[in-house]
């Protein structure tokens, strides 16, 4: 998940750069096309399982549709907002994930983790400092991305242990290509600028390949993380995307948060790290309980009680 938190803002930065050169529809199509083609040799030579059917295939199709809309919304938002602001507004999403994990997956979310997630969300508000009067309706787009990605993560959690992550990403890429191909073929005749298919400048091809590779690898890392940890644990860790986005935004566009925003970043990071420490403490206690309770029969604090905090 930490790897995802580094690569995801990098992919957003590439999308922001690409949006100045390529129409939205073509950019999204080529992003998935690169993913689909890139993963074929990985699946083939790695002997990865990729065939799926029934319930799993249905969820993968729905997950792909959400992925397409989420990327489209994010690409659009980045054309109006600074990178750090767009990423920070999205971070209502981990709070949504805590609620979804609790209500739909039956995961334990204790009061301490809820307080930490709330503190992290408050930190994002200090980073965002939104001015809807100045930005207008595009400021709402990252909120749509947050709701979309929360549902996307919930679906991924449902099948993460039933599919190979590499195989699923390849299949998802080809499903997206199949769904988007009609738009690429008939979209230019609609007169909608976002669906135009112009001759691409040479400088855009490197960005197109890079965004496909970065996007594919980042989501593979996210899927792998969901195989080994509950969504409620991983969601607060994603707050670390914000400082990464700030660094990337400064390096490329020289956008640097002010003092209040830096305080928000510190709060956000502290909340995420607190969650990690709580989970490590629960894991250590579980190991200790397993080792000690069996031979002595002593009643020790349960790992579940600590995790629930």
Protein backbone atom coordinates (compact mmCIF):
# COMPACT_ATOMS: atom_id res chain seq x y z
CA UNK A 1 0.00 0.00 0.00
CA UNK A 2 2.90 2.36 0.64
CA UNK A 3 4.13 1.64 -2.90
CA UNK A 4 0.66 2.49 -4.19
CA UNK A 5 0.73 5.76 -2.23
CA UNK A 6 3.90 6.78 -4.07
CA UNK A 7 2.95 5.65 -7.58
CA UNK A 8 -0.68 6.84 -7.60
CA UNK A 9 0.16 10.58 -7.26
CA UNK A 10 2.92 10.12 -9.82
CA UNK A 11 0.35 8.69 -12.22
CA UNK A 12 -1.93 11.67 -11.48
CA UNK A 13 0.91 14.06 -12.28
CA UNK A 14 1.48 12.29 -15.60
CA UNK A 15 -2.25 12.54 -16.31
CA UNK A 16 -2.18 16.27 -15.61
CA UNK A 17 0.69 16.71 -18.06
CA UNK A 18 -0.99 14.45 -20.62
CA UNK A 19 -4.29 16.31 -20.39
CA UNK A 20 -2.68 19.30 -22.04
CA UNK A 21 -1.80 17.20 -25.12
CA UNK A 22 -4.43 14.46 -25.57
CA UNK A 23 -8.29 14.54 -25.40
CA UNK A 24 -9.84 12.79 -22.40
CA UNK A 25 -11.42 9.82 -24.19
CA UNK A 26 -8.28 8.88 -26.08
CA UNK A 27 -6.09 9.32 -22.99
CA UNK A 28 -8.27 6.95 -20.93
CA UNK A 29 -8.45 4.41 -23.78
CA UNK A 30 -4.69 4.36 -24.31
CA UNK A 31 -4.04 4.15 -20.57
CA UNK A 32 -5.99 0.87 -20.40
CA UNK A 33 -4.61 -0.35 -23.74
CA UNK A 34 -1.05 -0.03 -22.42
CA UNK A 35 -2.07 -1.93 -19.27
CA UNK A 36 -3.69 -4.74 -21.28
CA UNK A 37 -0.78 -5.20 -23.68
CA UNK A 38 1.95 -4.78 -21.05
CA UNK A 39 0.57 -7.55 -18.83
CA UNK A 40 0.15 -10.22 -21.55
CA UNK A 41 3.78 -11.45 -21.39
CA UNK A 42 3.78 -11.19 -17.58
CA UNK A 43 0.70 -13.44 -17.36
CA UNK A 44 1.86 -15.79 -20.14
CA UNK A 45 5.45 -16.41 -19.04
CA UNK A 46 4.59 -16.25 -15.35
CA UNK A 47 1.91 -18.91 -15.66
CA UNK A 48 -0.60 -16.60 -14.00
CA UNK A 49 -4.25 -17.60 -13.72
CA UNK A 50 -6.47 -15.22 -15.67
CA UNK A 51 -9.60 -17.12 -16.63
CA UNK A 52 -12.67 -16.19 -14.60
CA UNK A 53 -16.40 -16.65 -14.83
CA UNK A 54 -19.67 -16.28 -12.98
CA UNK A 55 -19.69 -14.04 -9.94
CA UNK A 56 -16.00 -13.17 -10.14
CA UNK A 57 -16.21 -12.13 -13.80
CA UNK A 58 -19.28 -10.01 -13.09
CA UNK A 59 -17.51 -8.19 -10.27
CA UNK A 60 -14.43 -7.64 -12.45
CA UNK A 61 -16.60 -6.10 -15.20
CA UNK A 62 -18.31 -3.78 -12.69
CA UNK A 63 -14.96 -2.94 -11.13
CA UNK A 64 -13.59 -2.06 -14.57
CA UNK A 65 -16.53 0.25 -15.31
CA UNK A 66 -15.91 2.05 -12.01
CA UNK A 67 -12.21 2.25 -12.83
CA UNK A 68 -12.94 3.86 -16.21
CA UNK A 69 -15.25 6.48 -14.70
CA UNK A 70 -12.89 7.14 -11.79
CA UNK A 71 -9.91 7.74 -14.07
CA UNK A 72 -12.02 9.92 -16.36
CA UNK A 73 -13.19 12.07 -13.46
CA UNK A 74 -9.67 12.38 -12.07
CA UNK A 75 -8.16 13.29 -15.43
CA UNK A 76 -10.79 16.02 -15.80
CA UNK A 77 -10.32 17.36 -12.26
CA UNK A 78 -6.57 17.63 -12.76
CA UNK A 79 -7.08 20.03 -15.67
CA UNK A 80 -8.68 22.53 -13.28
CA UNK A 81 -7.04 21.92 -9.90
CA UNK A 82 -3.46 21.76 -8.60
CA UNK A 83 -2.25 18.20 -8.05
CA UNK A 84 -2.06 18.40 -4.24
CA UNK A 85 -5.54 19.97 -3.97
CA UNK A 86 -7.14 17.33 -6.19
CA UNK A 87 -5.51 14.46 -4.28
CA UNK A 88 -6.36 15.99 -0.89
CA UNK A 89 -10.05 16.51 -1.71
CA UNK A 90 -10.26 12.85 -2.69
CA UNK A 91 -9.24 11.92 0.83
CA UNK A 92 -12.74 11.81 2.07
CA UNK A 93 -12.42 8.34 0.48
CA UNK A 94 -10.53 6.55 3.29
CA UNK A 95 -13.24 7.64 5.71
CA UNK A 96 -15.81 6.14 3.34
CA UNK A 97 -13.74 2.96 3.20
CA UNK A 98 -13.82 2.64 6.98
CA UNK A 99 -17.61 2.84 6.88
CA UNK A 100 -17.91 0.42 3.94
CA UNK A 101 -15.52 -2.05 5.58
CA UNK A 102 -17.57 -1.94 8.77
CA UNK A 103 -21.08 -2.16 7.28
CA UNK A 104 -20.50 -4.44 4.27
CA UNK A 105 -17.44 -6.55 5.11
CA UNK A 106 -18.00 -6.94 8.84
CA UNK A 107 -14.52 -5.61 9.66
CA UNK A 108 -13.83 -4.33 13.15
CA UNK A 109 -13.34 -0.57 13.30
CA UNK A 110 -12.81 0.55 16.85
CA UNK A 111 -13.10 4.07 18.28
CA UNK A 112 -9.37 4.79 18.24
CA UNK A 113 -9.08 4.08 14.55
CA UNK A 114 -12.19 6.13 13.87
CA UNK A 115 -10.71 9.07 15.78
CA UNK A 116 -7.41 8.69 13.92
CA UNK A 117 -9.20 8.59 10.56
CA UNK A 118 -11.24 11.64 11.54
CA UNK A 119 -8.08 13.49 12.51
CA UNK A 120 -6.51 12.55 9.21
CA UNK A 121 -9.55 13.85 7.34
CA UNK A 122 -9.39 17.11 9.30
CA UNK A 123 -5.76 17.37 8.24
CA UNK A 124 -6.77 17.05 4.59
CA UNK A 125 -9.17 19.97 5.01
CA UNK A 126 -6.23 22.13 6.08
CA UNK A 127 -4.36 21.03 2.97
CA UNK A 128 -7.23 21.61 0.59
CA UNK A 129 -8.29 25.09 1.67
CA UNK A 130 -10.96 24.98 -1.02
CA UNK A 131 -12.34 28.04 -2.67
CA UNK A 132 -15.38 26.91 -4.60
CA UNK A 133 -16.13 30.47 -5.57
CA UNK A 134 -12.81 30.67 -7.41
CA UNK A 135 -12.67 27.15 -8.86
CA UNK A 136 -16.34 26.48 -9.48
CA UNK A 137 -17.91 23.07 -10.16
CA UNK A 138 -14.63 21.25 -11.02
CA UNK A 139 -13.82 21.34 -7.30
CA UNK A 140 -16.58 18.75 -6.83
CA UNK A 141 -15.04 16.26 -9.26
CA UNK A 142 -12.55 14.80 -6.74
CA UNK A 143 -15.48 14.07 -4.42
CA UNK A 144 -16.97 11.96 -7.20
CA UNK A 145 -13.61 10.22 -7.56
CA UNK A 146 -13.63 9.49 -3.82
CA UNK A 147 -17.06 7.84 -3.87
CA UNK A 148 -16.16 5.94 -7.04
CA UNK A 149 -12.85 4.66 -5.70
CA UNK A 150 -14.38 3.65 -2.36
CA UNK A 151 -16.80 1.38 -4.24
CA UNK A 152 -13.93 0.20 -6.46
CA UNK A 153 -11.90 -0.79 -3.39
CA UNK A 154 -14.88 -2.57 -1.87
CA UNK A 155 -15.34 -4.68 -5.01
CA UNK A 156 -11.61 -5.40 -5.16
CA UNK A 157 -11.73 -6.59 -1.57
CA UNK A 158 -14.55 -9.01 -2.45
CA UNK A 159 -12.46 -10.92 -5.02
CA UNK A 160 -8.85 -10.17 -4.02
CA UNK A 161 -8.39 -13.64 -2.52
CA UNK A 162 -10.15 -15.43 -5.40
CA UNK A 163 -8.13 -14.06 -8.32
CA UNK A 164 -4.53 -13.57 -9.29
CA UNK A 165 -3.91 -9.80 -9.17
CA UNK A 166 -1.80 -9.74 -12.34
CA UNK A 167 -4.30 -11.84 -14.27
CA UNK A 168 -7.19 -9.72 -13.03
CA UNK A 169 -5.45 -6.50 -14.09
CA UNK A 170 -4.83 -7.90 -17.57
CA UNK A 171 -8.43 -9.03 -17.96
CA UNK A 172 -9.65 -5.70 -16.61
CA UNK A 173 -7.49 -3.87 -19.14
CA UNK A 174 -8.95 -5.81 -22.06
CA UNK A 175 -12.51 -5.33 -20.76
CA UNK A 176 -11.86 -1.59 -20.62
CA UNK A 177 -10.45 -1.64 -24.16
CA UNK A 178 -13.55 -3.47 -25.39
CA UNK A 179 -15.87 -1.00 -23.63
CA UNK A 180 -14.00 2.08 -24.83
CA UNK A 181 -13.32 1.03 -28.44
CA UNK A 182 -16.78 2.13 -29.70
CA UNK A 183 -16.15 5.60 -28.23
CA UNK A 184 -12.81 5.81 -29.99
CA UNK A 185 -14.35 4.69 -33.33
CA UNK A 186 -17.57 6.70 -33.30
CA UNK A 187 -16.75 9.40 -30.75
CA UNK A 188 -15.00 11.79 -33.20
CA UNK A 189 -18.21 12.07 -35.22
CA UNK A 190 -20.14 13.27 -32.17
CA UNK A 191 -18.47 16.67 -32.17
CA UNK A 192 -17.56 16.29 -28.47
CA UNK A 193 -14.04 17.63 -27.92
CA UNK A 194 -13.25 15.06 -25.21
CA UNK A 195 -13.90 12.21 -27.70
CA UNK A 196 -11.80 13.62 -30.53
CA UNK A 197 -8.98 11.49 -31.94
CA UNK A 198 -6.36 13.91 -33.28
CA UNK A 199 -2.88 13.12 -34.54
CA UNK A 200 -0.84 12.71 -31.39
CA UNK A 201 2.28 14.82 -30.90
CA UNK A 202 5.49 12.82 -30.54
CA UNK A 203 6.00 14.15 -27.00
CA UNK A 204 2.76 12.52 -25.84
CA UNK A 205 3.75 8.89 -26.55
CA UNK A 206 6.29 8.71 -23.74
CA UNK A 207 3.70 10.07 -21.30
CA UNK A 208 1.06 7.63 -22.56
CA UNK A 209 3.32 4.62 -22.04
CA UNK A 210 4.50 5.90 -18.66
CA UNK A 211 0.99 6.51 -17.36
CA UNK A 212 -0.10 3.02 -18.43
CA UNK A 213 2.88 1.38 -16.72
CA UNK A 214 2.64 3.46 -13.53
CA UNK A 215 -1.13 3.03 -13.32
CA UNK A 216 -0.92 -0.74 -13.82
CA UNK A 217 1.86 -1.29 -11.27
CA UNK A 218 0.23 0.97 -8.68
CA UNK A 219 -3.08 -0.89 -8.86
CA UNK A 220 -1.33 -4.24 -8.72
CA UNK A 221 0.25 -3.11 -5.45
CA UNK A 222 -3.15 -2.00 -4.17
CA UNK A 223 -4.76 -5.36 -5.06
CA UNK A 224 -1.91 -7.29 -3.42
CA UNK A 225 -2.30 -5.23 -0.26
CA UNK A 226 -6.00 -6.10 -0.08
CA UNK A 227 -5.14 -9.80 -0.15
CA UNK A 228 -3.27 -9.54 3.14
CA UNK A 229 -4.94 -6.78 5.15
CA UNK A 230 -8.51 -5.55 5.75
CA UNK A 231 -9.71 -2.44 3.93
CA UNK A 232 -10.27 -0.62 7.23
CA UNK A 233 -6.56 -1.01 8.02
CA UNK A 234 -5.29 0.05 4.61
CA UNK A 235 -7.62 3.00 4.06
CA UNK A 236 -6.02 5.41 6.58
CA UNK A 237 -2.56 4.59 5.21
CA UNK A 238 -3.58 6.13 1.91
CA UNK A 239 -3.41 9.58 3.52
CA UNK A 240 0.31 9.35 2.80
CA UNK A 241 -0.52 10.07 -0.84
CA UNK A 242 -1.01 13.73 0.11
CA UNK A 243 2.58 14.62 1.07
CA UNK A 244 3.80 12.64 -1.94
CA UNK A 245 1.48 14.69 -4.18
CA UNK A 246 2.77 17.90 -2.59
CA UNK A 247 6.37 16.94 -3.33
CA UNK A 248 5.58 15.99 -6.94
CA UNK A 249 3.50 19.14 -7.45
CA UNK A 250 6.36 21.29 -6.21
CA UNK A 251 8.94 19.45 -8.33
CA UNK A 252 6.96 19.89 -11.57
CA UNK A 253 4.81 23.01 -11.15
CA UNK A 254 6.44 24.68 -8.12
CA UNK A 255 3.12 24.48 -6.23
CA UNK A 256 3.96 24.50 -2.50
CA UNK A 257 1.39 24.45 0.34
CA UNK A 258 1.42 27.31 2.83
CA UNK A 259 2.08 26.95 6.55
CA UNK A 260 -1.48 25.91 7.45
CA UNK A 261 -1.43 23.23 4.77
CA UNK A 262 1.87 21.91 6.08
CA UNK A 263 0.26 21.53 9.52
CA UNK A 264 -2.53 19.56 7.85
CA UNK A 265 -0.01 17.29 6.15
CA UNK A 266 1.68 16.62 9.50
CA UNK A 267 -1.65 15.73 11.12
CA UNK A 268 -2.57 13.48 8.21
CA UNK A 269 0.72 11.59 8.31
CA UNK A 270 0.54 11.22 12.10
CA UNK A 271 -2.96 9.74 11.86
CA UNK A 272 -1.92 7.24 9.20
CA UNK A 273 1.19 6.19 11.09
CA UNK A 274 -0.86 5.78 14.27
CA UNK A 275 -3.10 3.28 12.47
CA UNK A 276 -0.05 1.34 11.31
CA UNK A 277 1.34 1.22 14.85
CA UNK A 278 -2.00 -0.01 16.23
CA UNK A 279 -2.08 -2.83 13.69
CA UNK A 280 1.50 -3.82 14.44
CA UNK A 281 0.70 -3.91 18.15
CA UNK A 282 -2.31 -6.14 17.46
CA UNK A 283 -0.21 -8.48 15.31
CA UNK A 284 2.49 -8.76 17.99
CA UNK A 285 -0.12 -9.47 20.66
CA UNK A 286 -1.73 -12.14 18.47
CA UNK A 287 1.61 -13.89 18.07
CA UNK A 288 2.33 -13.64 21.78
CA UNK A 289 -1.13 -14.94 22.70
CA UNK A 290 -0.76 -17.90 20.35
CA UNK A 291 2.64 -18.77 21.78
CA UNK A 292 1.81 -18.36 25.47
CA UNK A 293 -1.83 -19.28 25.96
CA UNK A 294 -1.55 -22.87 24.76
CA UNK A 295 1.03 -24.22 27.22
CA UNK A 296 -0.04 -22.22 30.28
CA UNK A 297 -3.76 -21.83 29.80
CA UNK A 298 -3.54 -18.24 31.05
CA UNK A 299 -6.18 -15.74 29.98
CA UNK A 300 -4.42 -13.06 27.97
CA UNK A 301 -5.82 -9.96 26.26
CA UNK A 302 -7.16 -10.93 22.87
CA UNK A 303 -5.73 -9.54 19.65
CA UNK A 304 -9.26 -8.79 18.51
CA UNK A 305 -9.77 -6.46 21.45
CA UNK A 306 -6.64 -4.52 20.57
CA UNK A 307 -7.47 -4.43 16.84
CA UNK A 308 -10.92 -3.12 17.68
CA UNK A 309 -9.30 -0.09 19.26
